C-alpha atoms as a PDB file:
ATOM      1  CA  MET A   1      17.893  96.475  15.910  1.00  0.00           C
ATOM      2  CA  ARG A   2      16.494  93.198  14.680  1.00  0.00           C
ATOM      3  CA  ARG A   3      18.575  90.737  12.689  1.00  0.00           C
ATOM      4  CA  PHE A   4      16.919  91.596   9.355  1.00  0.00           C
ATOM      5  CA  GLU A   5      17.404  95.321   9.972  1.00  0.00           C
ATOM      6  CA  ARG A   6      21.075  94.799  10.875  1.00  0.00           C
ATOM      7  CA  ARG A   7      21.625  92.785   7.698  1.00  0.00           C
ATOM      8  CA  THR A   8      19.901  95.408   5.556  1.00  0.00           C
ATOM      9  CA  HIS A   9      21.926  98.170   7.189  1.00  0.00           C
ATOM     10  CA  ALA A  10      25.171  96.232   6.650  1.00  0.00           C
ATOM     11  CA  LEU A  11      24.323  95.656   2.974  1.00  0.00           C
ATOM     12  CA  ALA A  12      23.587  99.339   2.489  1.00  0.00           C
ATOM     13  CA  LEU A  13      26.940 100.265   4.037  1.00  0.00           C
ATOM     14  CA  ALA A  14      28.748  97.712   1.874  1.00  0.00           C
ATOM     15  CA  HIS A  15      27.196  99.088  -1.320  1.00  0.00           C
ATOM     16  CA  GLU A  16      28.010 102.638  -0.264  1.00  0.00           C
ATOM     17  CA  ALA A  17      31.628 101.682   0.450  1.00  0.00           C
ATOM     18  CA  ARG A  18      31.990  99.867  -2.862  1.00  0.00           C
ATOM     19  CA  GLY A  19      30.435 102.825  -4.643  1.00  0.00           C
ATOM     20  CA  ARG A  20      33.004 105.152  -3.097  1.00  0.00           C
ATOM     21  CA  LEU A  21      35.819 102.851  -4.151  1.00  0.00           C
ATOM     22  CA  ARG A  22      34.472 102.616  -7.679  1.00  0.00           C
ATOM     23  CA  HIS A  23      34.176 106.356  -7.956  1.00  0.00           C
ATOM     24  CA  GLU A  24      37.205 107.612  -6.063  1.00  0.00           C
ATOM     25  CA  ARG A  25      39.761 104.888  -6.815  1.00  0.00           C
ATOM     26  CA  ARG A  26      38.627 103.362 -10.091  1.00  0.00           C
ATOM     27  CA  ARG A  27      37.217 106.564 -11.586  1.00  0.00           C
ATOM     28  CA  ASP A  28      33.990 104.720 -12.420  1.00  0.00           C
ATOM     29  CA  PRO A  29      31.081 107.049 -11.597  1.00  0.00           C
ATOM     30  CA  THR A  30      28.627 104.856 -13.531  1.00  0.00           C
ATOM     31  CA  GLY A  31      29.475 101.835 -11.393  1.00  0.00           C
ATOM     32  CA  ALA A  32      29.352 103.995  -8.293  1.00  0.00           C
ATOM     33  CA  LEU A  33      25.836 105.134  -9.206  1.00  0.00           C
ATOM     34  CA  GLU A  34      24.737 101.507  -9.403  1.00  0.00           C
ATOM     35  CA  ASP A  35      26.014 100.835  -5.891  1.00  0.00           C
ATOM     36  CA  TYR A  36      24.627 104.070  -4.459  1.00  0.00           C
ATOM     37  CA  THR A  37      21.226 103.301  -5.965  1.00  0.00           C
ATOM     38  CA  VAL A  38      21.123  99.864  -4.346  1.00  0.00           C
ATOM     39  CA  ALA A  39      22.297 101.340  -1.041  1.00  0.00           C
ATOM     40  CA  LEU A  40      19.598 104.003  -1.243  1.00  0.00           C
ATOM     41  CA  GLN A  41      16.943 101.351  -1.819  1.00  0.00           C
ATOM     42  CA  LEU A  42      18.140  99.651   1.364  1.00  0.00           C
ATOM     43  CA  ASN A  43      18.486 102.914   3.319  1.00  0.00           C
ATOM     44  CA  PRO A  44      16.002 105.450   1.861  1.00  0.00           C
ATOM     45  CA  PRO A  45      16.387 108.241   4.437  1.00  0.00           C
ATOM     46  CA  SER A  46      20.145 108.661   3.817  1.00  0.00           C
ATOM     47  CA  ASP A  47      21.157 112.210   2.881  1.00  0.00           C
ATOM     48  CA  THR A  48      24.748 111.018   2.336  1.00  0.00           C
ATOM     49  CA  LEU A  49      23.740 108.652  -0.449  1.00  0.00           C
ATOM     50  CA  HIS A  50      21.941 111.449  -2.291  1.00  0.00           C
ATOM     51  CA  TYR A  51      25.042 113.611  -1.854  1.00  0.00           C
ATOM     52  CA  ARG A  52      27.271 110.843  -3.234  1.00  0.00           C
ATOM     53  CA  ARG A  53      24.931 110.221  -6.170  1.00  0.00           C
ATOM     54  CA  GLY A  54      25.083 113.955  -6.902  1.00  0.00           C
ATOM     55  CA  ILE A  55      28.870 113.771  -7.048  1.00  0.00           C
ATOM     56  CA  ALA A  56      28.716 110.802  -9.426  1.00  0.00           C
ATOM     57  CA  TYR A  57      26.183 112.525 -11.680  1.00  0.00           C
ATOM     58  CA  HIS A  58      28.387 115.622 -11.698  1.00  0.00           C
ATOM     59  CA  ALA A  59      31.348 113.497 -12.820  1.00  0.00           C
ATOM     60  CA  LEU A  60      29.171 112.230 -15.689  1.00  0.00           C
ATOM     61  CA  LYS A  61      28.240 115.850 -16.523  1.00  0.00           C
ATOM     62  CA  ASN A  62      24.574 115.092 -15.847  1.00  0.00           C
ATOM     63  CA  TYR A  63      24.126 118.362 -14.009  1.00  0.00           C
ATOM     64  CA  ALA A  64      20.331 118.225 -13.792  1.00  0.00           C
ATOM     65  CA  ALA A  65      20.444 114.840 -12.042  1.00  0.00           C
ATOM     66  CA  ALA A  66      23.247 116.057  -9.764  1.00  0.00           C
ATOM     67  CA  GLU A  67      21.189 119.133  -8.888  1.00  0.00           C
ATOM     68  CA  ALA A  68      18.207 116.933  -7.986  1.00  0.00           C
ATOM     69  CA  GLU A  69      20.357 114.739  -5.736  1.00  0.00           C
ATOM     70  CA  PHE A  70      22.030 117.725  -4.062  1.00  0.00           C
ATOM     71  CA  THR A  71      18.606 119.299  -3.516  1.00  0.00           C
ATOM     72  CA  THR A  72      17.311 116.146  -1.804  1.00  0.00           C
ATOM     73  CA  ALA A  73      20.429 115.868   0.364  1.00  0.00           C
ATOM     74  CA  TYR A  74      20.156 119.564   1.258  1.00  0.00           C
ATOM     75  CA  ALA A  75      16.522 119.188   2.312  1.00  0.00           C
ATOM     76  CA  ARG A  76      17.595 116.465   4.727  1.00  0.00           C
ATOM     77  CA  ASN A  77      20.841 118.046   5.981  1.00  0.00           C
ATOM     78  CA  PRO A  78      21.209 121.741   5.054  1.00  0.00           C
ATOM     79  CA  ASP A  79      24.274 122.220   7.267  1.00  0.00           C
ATOM     80  CA  SER A  80      26.573 119.641   5.670  1.00  0.00           C
ATOM     81  CA  PRO A  81      29.776 121.505   4.727  1.00  0.00           C
ATOM     82  CA  ASN A  82      30.785 118.775   2.260  1.00  0.00           C
ATOM     83  CA  LEU A  83      27.451 119.007   0.460  1.00  0.00           C
ATOM     84  CA  LEU A  84      27.544 122.795   0.412  1.00  0.00           C
ATOM     85  CA  ALA A  85      31.074 122.808  -1.023  1.00  0.00           C
ATOM     86  CA  ARG A  86      30.354 120.180  -3.710  1.00  0.00           C
ATOM     87  CA  TRP A  87      27.149 121.880  -4.767  1.00  0.00           C
ATOM     88  CA  ALA A  88      28.960 125.228  -4.873  1.00  0.00           C
ATOM     89  CA  TRP A  89      31.643 123.652  -7.042  1.00  0.00           C
ATOM     90  CA  GLN A  90      29.046 122.435  -9.520  1.00  0.00           C
ATOM     91  CA  LEU A  91      27.248 125.771  -9.580  1.00  0.00           C
ATOM     92  CA  ALA A  92      30.558 127.549 -10.227  1.00  0.00           C
ATOM     93  CA  THR A  93      32.198 125.168 -12.712  1.00  0.00           C
ATOM     94  CA  ALA A  94      29.542 123.257 -14.686  1.00  0.00           C
ATOM     95  CA  SER A  95      30.397 123.167 -18.373  1.00  0.00           C
ATOM     96  CA  GLU A  96      26.764 123.926 -19.276  1.00  0.00           C
ATOM     97  CA  ALA A  97      25.958 127.611 -18.748  1.00  0.00           C
ATOM     98  CA  GLY A  98      22.397 126.823 -17.665  1.00  0.00           C
ATOM     99  CA  SER A  99      23.726 124.772 -14.756  1.00  0.00           C
ATOM    100  CA  ARG A 100      25.880 127.563 -13.338  1.00  0.00           C
ATOM    101  CA  ASP A 101      24.756 130.072 -10.739  1.00  0.00           C
ATOM    102  CA  GLY A 102      27.586 132.193  -9.355  1.00  0.00           C
ATOM    103  CA  LYS A 103      25.512 133.861  -6.655  1.00  0.00           C
ATOM    104  CA  ALA A 104      24.273 130.549  -5.213  1.00  0.00           C
ATOM    105  CA  ALA A 105      27.763 129.036  -5.572  1.00  0.00           C
ATOM    106  CA  LEU A 106      29.256 131.851  -3.527  1.00  0.00           C
ATOM    107  CA  GLU A 107      26.541 131.530  -0.866  1.00  0.00           C
ATOM    108  CA  PHE A 108      26.994 127.748  -0.491  1.00  0.00           C
ATOM    109  CA  ALA A 109      30.801 127.921  -0.514  1.00  0.00           C
ATOM    110  CA  THR A 110      30.775 130.677   2.082  1.00  0.00           C
ATOM    111  CA  ARG A 111      28.434 128.672   4.318  1.00  0.00           C
ATOM    112  CA  ALA A 112      30.608 125.552   3.907  1.00  0.00           C
ATOM    113  CA  ASN A 113      33.653 127.486   5.082  1.00  0.00           C
ATOM    114  CA  GLU A 114      31.833 129.049   8.042  1.00  0.00           C
ATOM    115  CA  ARG A 115      31.192 125.669   9.678  1.00  0.00           C
ATOM    116  CA  PRO A 116      33.509 124.863  12.607  1.00  0.00           C
ATOM    117  CA  GLY A 117      36.388 122.660  11.489  1.00  0.00           C
ATOM    118  CA  SER A 118      35.464 122.923   7.828  1.00  0.00           C
ATOM    119  CA  LYS A 119      38.536 124.780   6.562  1.00  0.00           C
ATOM    120  CA  VAL A 120      39.604 121.928   4.324  1.00  0.00           C
ATOM    121  CA  SER A 121      41.095 122.374   0.873  1.00  0.00           C
ATOM    122  CA  GLU A 122      37.979 121.212  -1.024  1.00  0.00           C
ATOM    123  CA  HIS A 123      35.820 123.772   0.760  1.00  0.00           C
ATOM    124  CA  LEU A 124      38.300 126.567   0.132  1.00  0.00           C
ATOM    125  CA  GLU A 125      38.617 125.524  -3.535  1.00  0.00           C
ATOM    126  CA  ALA A 126      34.836 125.768  -3.915  1.00  0.00           C
ATOM    127  CA  LEU A 127      34.965 129.272  -2.466  1.00  0.00           C
ATOM    128  CA  ALA A 128      37.760 130.221  -4.849  1.00  0.00           C
ATOM    129  CA  ALA A 129      35.865 128.843  -7.856  1.00  0.00           C
END
């Protein structure tokens, strides 16, 4: 990896990490979106950044934007148990009726829990929802 590519990669990781801190620790999904957007500009093929942006949009109750991000992440990594569980959670619990889909939620949550080593509380909670 050339020097410029290493620097770009490091900047993308730094923005992703700061975005996670802003969202998870500071409860600032808007700030997290800013960091994830910059990170995605630096690392366009990342499915994880789309997944994280989907989580932030969900926290802001922008379900259409979250759906678009989850869809992009899914197209790139359809076997991610974390993505499947988070998307299932949104489809099961969104406050807007038009954003809920119980059948798809059950399918995604079931798939998330079928993955080896994926029996974590968040995945089981999505299945329960």
